[in-house]
Every structure is written in C-alpha cells, then in structure tokens.
C-alpha atoms as a PDB file:
ATOM      1  CA  UNK A   1     175.741 113.509 128.874  1.00  0.00           C
ATOM      2  CA  UNK A   2     175.032 115.403 125.130  1.00  0.00           C
ATOM      3  CA  UNK A   3     171.246 115.246 123.530  1.00  0.00           C
ATOM      4  CA  UNK A   4     171.545 113.667 120.686  1.00  0.00           C
ATOM      5  CA  UNK A   5     171.421 116.402 117.628  1.00  0.00           C
ATOM      6  CA  UNK A   6     168.202 114.861 115.762  1.00  0.00           C
ATOM      7  CA  UNK A   7     166.697 115.273 118.969  1.00  0.00           C
ATOM      8  CA  UNK A   8     163.927 118.452 119.530  1.00  0.00           C
ATOM      9  CA  UNK A   9     164.649 121.381 120.087  1.00  0.00           C
ATOM     10  CA  UNK A  10     160.968 122.676 121.530  1.00  0.00           C
ATOM     11  CA  UNK A  11     157.733 122.257 122.068  1.00  0.00           C
ATOM     12  CA  UNK A  12     156.381 126.369 120.397  1.00  0.00           C
ATOM     13  CA  UNK A  13     154.795 125.875 117.069  1.00  0.00           C
ATOM     14  CA  UNK A  14     157.676 125.397 114.053  1.00  0.00           C
ATOM     15  CA  UNK A  15     156.431 127.914 110.967  1.00  0.00           C
ATOM     16  CA  UNK A  16     158.903 126.244 108.288  1.00  0.00           C
ATOM     17  CA  UNK A  17     158.428 128.898 105.140  1.00  0.00           C
ATOM     18  CA  UNK A  18     160.346 127.210 101.965  1.00  0.00           C
ATOM     19  CA  UNK A  19     161.860 129.409  98.966  1.00  0.00           C
ATOM     20  CA  UNK A  20     161.021 128.736  95.361  1.00  0.00           C
ATOM     21  CA  UNK A  21     159.932 124.951  94.596  1.00  0.00           C
ATOM     22  CA  UNK A  22     158.671 124.814  97.552  1.00  0.00           C
ATOM     23  CA  UNK A  23     162.564 123.487 100.049  1.00  0.00           C
ATOM     24  CA  UNK A  24     161.666 119.825  98.562  1.00  0.00           C
ATOM     25  CA  UNK A  25     162.256 116.784  99.914  1.00  0.00           C
ATOM     26  CA  UNK A  26     165.880 116.682 100.166  1.00  0.00           C
ATOM     27  CA  UNK A  27     166.828 119.792 101.070  1.00  0.00           C
ATOM     28  CA  UNK A  28     167.580 120.765 105.009  1.00  0.00           C
ATOM     29  CA  UNK A  29     164.136 122.685 105.781  1.00  0.00           C
ATOM     30  CA  UNK A  30     162.665 119.190 104.789  1.00  0.00           C
ATOM     31  CA  UNK A  31     164.907 117.701 107.514  1.00  0.00           C
ATOM     32  CA  UNK A  32     164.582 120.272 109.775  1.00  0.00           C
ATOM     33  CA  UNK A  33     160.911 119.289 109.544  1.00  0.00           C
ATOM     34  CA  UNK A  34     160.904 116.247 109.965  1.00  0.00           C
ATOM     35  CA  UNK A  35     163.196 116.877 112.786  1.00  0.00           C
ATOM     36  CA  UNK A  36     160.713 118.612 114.721  1.00  0.00           C
ATOM     37  CA  UNK A  37     157.482 118.373 116.995  1.00  0.00           C
ATOM     38  CA  UNK A  38     154.399 121.095 115.792  1.00  0.00           C
ATOM     39  CA  UNK A  39     155.410 122.387 112.380  1.00  0.00           C
ATOM     40  CA  UNK A  40     153.830 123.201 109.110  1.00  0.00           C
ATOM     41  CA  UNK A  41     154.886 124.021 106.132  1.00  0.00           C
ATOM     42  CA  UNK A  42     153.768 127.387 104.165  1.00  0.00           C
ATOM     43  CA  UNK A  43     151.905 126.351 100.856  1.00  0.00           C
ATOM     44  CA  UNK A  44     151.930 128.838  98.511  1.00  0.00           C
ATOM     45  CA  UNK A  45     149.875 129.134  95.130  1.00  0.00           C
ATOM     46  CA  UNK A  46     153.377 129.901  93.149  1.00  0.00           C
ATOM     47  CA  UNK A  47     156.619 127.968  93.875  1.00  0.00           C
ATOM     48  CA  UNK A  48     158.194 129.075  90.625  1.00  0.00           C
ATOM     49  CA  UNK A  49     157.020 132.839  90.320  1.00  0.00           C
ATOM     50  CA  UNK A  50     158.108 134.255  93.456  1.00  0.00           C
ATOM     51  CA  UNK A  51     155.101 137.464  94.258  1.00  0.00           C
ATOM     52  CA  UNK A  52     155.961 138.544  97.775  1.00  0.00           C
ATOM     53  CA  UNK A  53     152.604 140.226  98.512  1.00  0.00           C
ATOM     54  CA  UNK A  54     151.283 136.658  97.520  1.00  0.00           C
ATOM     55  CA  UNK A  55     153.805 134.735  99.628  1.00  0.00           C
ATOM     56  CA  UNK A  56     153.419 136.876 102.476  1.00  0.00           C
ATOM     57  CA  UNK A  57     150.442 136.668 102.776  1.00  0.00           C
ATOM     58  CA  UNK A  58     150.157 133.005 102.657  1.00  0.00           C
ATOM     59  CA  UNK A  59     152.769 133.442 105.694  1.00  0.00           C
ATOM     60  CA  UNK A  60     149.850 135.588 107.758  1.00  0.00           C
ATOM     61  CA  UNK A  61     147.299 133.151 107.465  1.00  0.00           C
ATOM     62  CA  UNK A  62     149.376 130.636 108.311  1.00  0.00           C
ATOM     63  CA  UNK A  63     150.366 133.073 111.618  1.00  0.00           C
ATOM     64  CA  UNK A  64     146.691 132.911 112.071  1.00  0.00           C
ATOM     65  CA  UNK A  65     145.631 130.416 111.791  1.00  0.00           C
ATOM     66  CA  UNK A  66     148.134 130.096 115.126  1.00  0.00           C
ATOM     67  CA  UNK A  67     146.425 130.430 118.221  1.00  0.00           C
ATOM     68  CA  UNK A  68     149.944 130.531 119.975  1.00  0.00           C
ATOM     69  CA  UNK A  69     153.128 132.717 118.859  1.00  0.00           C
ATOM     70  CA  UNK A  70     154.563 130.384 116.518  1.00  0.00           C
ATOM     71  CA  UNK A  71     158.699 130.446 115.781  1.00  0.00           C
ATOM     72  CA  UNK A  72     159.918 131.145 111.837  1.00  0.00           C
ATOM     73  CA  UNK A  73     162.445 128.879 110.463  1.00  0.00           C
ATOM     74  CA  UNK A  74     162.275 130.266 106.619  1.00  0.00           C
ATOM     75  CA  UNK A  75     165.078 130.559 103.349  1.00  0.00           C
ATOM     76  CA  UNK A  76     165.152 132.222 100.840  1.00  0.00           C
ATOM     77  CA  UNK A  77     162.850 134.054  99.513  1.00  0.00           C
ATOM     78  CA  UNK A  78     160.377 132.457 102.012  1.00  0.00           C
ATOM     79  CA  UNK A  79     162.782 135.493 104.244  1.00  0.00           C
ATOM     80  CA  UNK A  80     161.466 137.806 102.563  1.00  0.00           C
ATOM     81  CA  UNK A  81     157.699 136.806 102.346  1.00  0.00           C
ATOM     82  CA  UNK A  82     158.318 136.665 106.466  1.00  0.00           C
ATOM     83  CA  UNK A  83     159.624 139.777 106.825  1.00  0.00           C
ATOM     84  CA  UNK A  84     156.899 141.780 104.945  1.00  0.00           C
ATOM     85  CA  UNK A  85     154.420 139.739 106.918  1.00  0.00           C
ATOM     86  CA  UNK A  86     155.366 140.179 110.076  1.00  0.00           C
ATOM     87  CA  UNK A  87     154.590 143.658 109.959  1.00  0.00           C
ATOM     88  CA  UNK A  88     151.045 142.884 110.250  1.00  0.00           C
ATOM     89  CA  UNK A  89     151.366 140.263 113.470  1.00  0.00           C
ATOM     90  CA  UNK A  90     154.687 140.926 115.464  1.00  0.00           C
ATOM     91  CA  UNK A  91     152.484 139.584 118.326  1.00  0.00           C
ATOM     92  CA  UNK A  92     152.355 136.032 116.695  1.00  0.00           C
ATOM     93  CA  UNK A  93     155.658 135.783 116.167  1.00  0.00           C
ATOM     94  CA  UNK A  94     157.868 134.179 119.308  1.00  0.00           C
ATOM     95  CA  UNK A  95     161.572 134.946 116.981  1.00  0.00           C
ATOM     96  CA  UNK A  96     162.347 134.363 112.862  1.00  0.00           C
ATOM     97  CA  UNK A  97     165.572 131.808 111.625  1.00  0.00           C
ATOM     98  CA  UNK A  98     165.796 133.758 108.161  1.00  0.00           C
ATOM     99  CA  UNK A  99     168.687 131.418 106.079  1.00  0.00           C
ATOM    100  CA  UNK A 100     169.926 132.196 103.562  1.00  0.00           C
ATOM    101  CA  UNK A 101     168.214 134.956 102.190  1.00  0.00           C
ATOM    102  CA  UNK A 102     167.137 136.245  98.750  1.00  0.00           C
ATOM    103  CA  UNK A 103     168.626 139.895  97.750  1.00  0.00           C
ATOM    104  CA  UNK A 104     164.985 141.603  97.356  1.00  0.00           C
ATOM    105  CA  UNK A 105     167.442 143.821  94.087  1.00  0.00           C
ATOM    106  CA  UNK A 106     167.170 140.327  92.248  1.00  0.00           C
ATOM    107  CA  UNK A 107     162.725 140.057  92.085  1.00  0.00           C
ATOM    108  CA  UNK A 108     162.851 143.606  91.973  1.00  0.00           C
ATOM    109  CA  UNK A 109     161.110 144.875  95.458  1.00  0.00           C
ATOM    110  CA  UNK A 110     161.461 148.265  96.404  1.00  0.00           C
ATOM    111  CA  UNK A 111     163.935 147.988  99.589  1.00  0.00           C
ATOM    112  CA  UNK A 112     161.270 149.881 101.680  1.00  0.00           C
ATOM    113  CA  UNK A 113     158.644 147.283 101.485  1.00  0.00           C
ATOM    114  CA  UNK A 114     160.859 145.461 103.547  1.00  0.00           C
ATOM    115  CA  UNK A 115     162.829 147.861 105.683  1.00  0.00           C
ATOM    116  CA  UNK A 116     160.918 147.550 109.320  1.00  0.00           C
ATOM    117  CA  UNK A 117     163.371 146.333 112.654  1.00  0.00           C
ATOM    118  CA  UNK A 118     161.622 143.169 113.108  1.00  0.00           C
ATOM    119  CA  UNK A 119     160.509 143.638 116.923  1.00  0.00           C
ATOM    120  CA  UNK A 120     161.478 139.918 118.287  1.00  0.00           C
ATOM    121  CA  UNK A 121     164.325 137.939 118.484  1.00  0.00           C
ATOM    122  CA  UNK A 122     165.556 136.883 114.151  1.00  0.00           C
ATOM    123  CA  UNK A 123     168.945 135.875 113.369  1.00  0.00           C
ATOM    124  CA  UNK A 124     170.342 135.841 109.537  1.00  0.00           C
ATOM    125  CA  UNK A 125     172.444 133.221 108.714  1.00  0.00           C
ATOM    126  CA  UNK A 126     174.773 134.126 105.577  1.00  0.00           C
ATOM    127  CA  UNK A 127     177.217 131.585 102.467  1.00  0.00           C
ATOM    128  CA  UNK A 128     180.156 134.014 101.830  1.00  0.00           C
ATOM    129  CA  UNK A 129     179.071 132.497  98.477  1.00  0.00           C
ATOM    130  CA  UNK A 130     175.185 132.397  98.276  1.00  0.00           C
ATOM    131  CA  UNK A 131     174.505 133.192  93.691  1.00  0.00           C
ATOM    132  CA  UNK A 132     171.673 134.799  95.883  1.00  0.00           C
ATOM    133  CA  UNK A 133     172.602 137.049  98.056  1.00  0.00           C
ATOM    134  CA  UNK A 134     175.762 138.849  98.612  1.00  0.00           C
ATOM    135  CA  UNK A 135     177.190 138.666 102.203  1.00  0.00           C
ATOM    136  CA  UNK A 136     177.367 142.439 102.103  1.00  0.00           C
ATOM    137  CA  UNK A 137     173.542 142.446 101.531  1.00  0.00           C
ATOM    138  CA  UNK A 138     172.476 140.163 103.772  1.00  0.00           C
ATOM    139  CA  UNK A 139     174.865 141.741 106.148  1.00  0.00           C
ATOM    140  CA  UNK A 140     173.326 144.866 105.349  1.00  0.00           C
ATOM    141  CA  UNK A 141     169.484 143.641 106.169  1.00  0.00           C
ATOM    142  CA  UNK A 142     170.123 141.948 108.878  1.00  0.00           C
ATOM    143  CA  UNK A 143     171.505 144.577 110.250  1.00  0.00           C
ATOM    144  CA  UNK A 144     167.589 146.747 109.063  1.00  0.00           C
ATOM    145  CA  UNK A 145     166.215 143.927 110.077  1.00  0.00           C
ATOM    146  CA  UNK A 146     168.095 144.069 113.714  1.00  0.00           C
ATOM    147  CA  UNK A 147     168.873 140.653 113.602  1.00  0.00           C
ATOM    148  CA  UNK A 148     172.341 138.779 114.619  1.00  0.00           C
ATOM    149  CA  UNK A 149     174.234 137.438 111.454  1.00  0.00           C
ATOM    150  CA  UNK A 150     176.153 134.275 111.608  1.00  0.00           C
ATOM    151  CA  UNK A 151     178.420 134.133 108.222  1.00  0.00           C
ATOM    152  CA  UNK A 152     178.934 130.589 107.920  1.00  0.00           C
ATOM    153  CA  UNK A 153     181.614 130.148 105.216  1.00  0.00           C
ATOM    154  CA  UNK A 154     180.988 129.348 101.552  1.00  0.00           C
ATOM    155  CA  UNK A 155     178.143 127.447 102.144  1.00  0.00           C
ATOM    156  CA  UNK A 156     176.181 128.288  98.537  1.00  0.00           C
ATOM    157  CA  UNK A 157     172.789 129.179  98.575  1.00  0.00           C
ATOM    158  CA  UNK A 158     172.261 126.416 101.807  1.00  0.00           C
ATOM    159  CA  UNK A 159     170.238 124.237  99.581  1.00  0.00           C
ATOM    160  CA  UNK A 160     170.040 120.359  97.864  1.00  0.00           C
ATOM    161  CA  UNK A 161     171.728 122.319  95.526  1.00  0.00           C
ATOM    162  CA  UNK A 162     174.859 123.065  97.595  1.00  0.00           C
ATOM    163  CA  UNK A 163     175.267 120.313  99.287  1.00  0.00           C
ATOM    164  CA  UNK A 164     172.319 120.677 102.356  1.00  0.00           C
ATOM    165  CA  UNK A 165     170.508 117.911 102.516  1.00  0.00           C
ATOM    166  CA  UNK A 166     170.590 117.399 106.564  1.00  0.00           C
ATOM    167  CA  UNK A 167     171.715 120.262 107.677  1.00  0.00           C
ATOM    168  CA  UNK A 168     172.471 119.731 111.781  1.00  0.00           C
ATOM    169  CA  UNK A 169     173.985 122.820 112.448  1.00  0.00           C
ATOM    170  CA  UNK A 170     170.445 124.263 111.539  1.00  0.00           C
ATOM    171  CA  UNK A 171     169.591 123.319 114.779  1.00  0.00           C
ATOM    172  CA  UNK A 172     173.090 124.470 116.824  1.00  0.00           C
ATOM    173  CA  UNK A 173     171.323 128.493 114.997  1.00  0.00           C
ATOM    174  CA  UNK A 174     167.852 127.880 115.716  1.00  0.00           C
ATOM    175  CA  UNK A 175     168.583 126.792 119.596  1.00  0.00           C
ATOM    176  CA  UNK A 176     171.325 130.300 119.948  1.00  0.00           C
ATOM    177  CA  UNK A 177     168.199 131.965 118.864  1.00  0.00           C
ATOM    178  CA  UNK A 178     165.611 130.690 120.920  1.00  0.00           C
ATOM    179  CA  UNK A 179     168.051 131.899 123.930  1.00  0.00           C
ATOM    180  CA  UNK A 180     167.705 135.507 122.533  1.00  0.00           C
ATOM    181  CA  UNK A 181     164.369 135.013 123.760  1.00  0.00           C
ATOM    182  CA  UNK A 182     165.274 133.994 126.973  1.00  0.00           C
ATOM    183  CA  UNK A 183     167.981 136.896 127.258  1.00  0.00           C
ATOM    184  CA  UNK A 184     165.379 139.605 126.428  1.00  0.00           C
END
C-alpha cells in the first residue's frame, strides 16, 4: 500500500531555513513544516535585507539549540545561510535539502565564503528558469558543495510567485536525501 504524500517522513528534527520574506503562509516550506513532525523555523532579525553573516549566525544558533543532529530544509538565501553556518557545526547536521539556492553573486557574497564541500549528504534542487540563479550556477554550486543535483525543469524560483504553495514533490526529494544518508 502506498503511503499518503502528506504523511511524516521521519522523526528526526528538521530545521526550516527560509529565504527572503520568511517563506510566507502559502509557501511550500510552510506546507512542509505543517506536514512533518519536529520542525522548527529559523527566525531572522531582518527578512527583507539578507546579510550572510547575520543569517548564518541565526542558523548556527538554531543548530546549537538542538541537542540531536538535525535535517535542514532550506530555500533561496536560506541555502546560502545554511551552507555558511554548516562550517561551524557540521556534526549537528544529518543532511541538507537546498532548494532553489540564490546566486551569491546577486548579493555580492565572495565565492570563498561558500566554497567548502559539505561533510554531510546534501541535495540541490534547481529550476531551469529560476530568476535568482541560473541552472549552470546552481549546478556549479552543487558540485562545489559535493551535493547531489536535480534539475526539476521550468519551475521558476519554486516559490508562491511561481505557483508552488503545497509542493508534494519536495517529500520525494527529501526522501532521496534521507536515503543517501542510509547508504553512506
């Protein structure tokens, strides 16, 4: 019997790391958060003006507050903040699902700030027509981070503006990430 798509996938804690404007109530991250147990959302001081050191610091604080290792489900600038924070506490992360990562160049972030390979399983999910990052750039960052990579086709920025409120496919991507940890 096939499991319904909105059943919880796991019981390990999950950290939701939104991008600009906190992935509002209609965003797939909010839907994901409500369908999965043990989720927490990182809160930023300023959702309108992303600053990598500040945002990564908030992610790091959230990681340190969790007693057990945690999964990360990040979107857009939240992906960059998660990657930057992971350098300080890699042992706290089971794996990271990085959806539609923002292009660091758009935020004048030096590449060196994000060039380390991630020491845990990770999966970059990117769209072929994302206005925030080209497919080639997303693929290049996935390679740099040692992440698996999925091109989901022309889905825009994979947010509410591109028609992605509830997005059940994210559960399949997250399941793939979990399986990569089991195989490691």
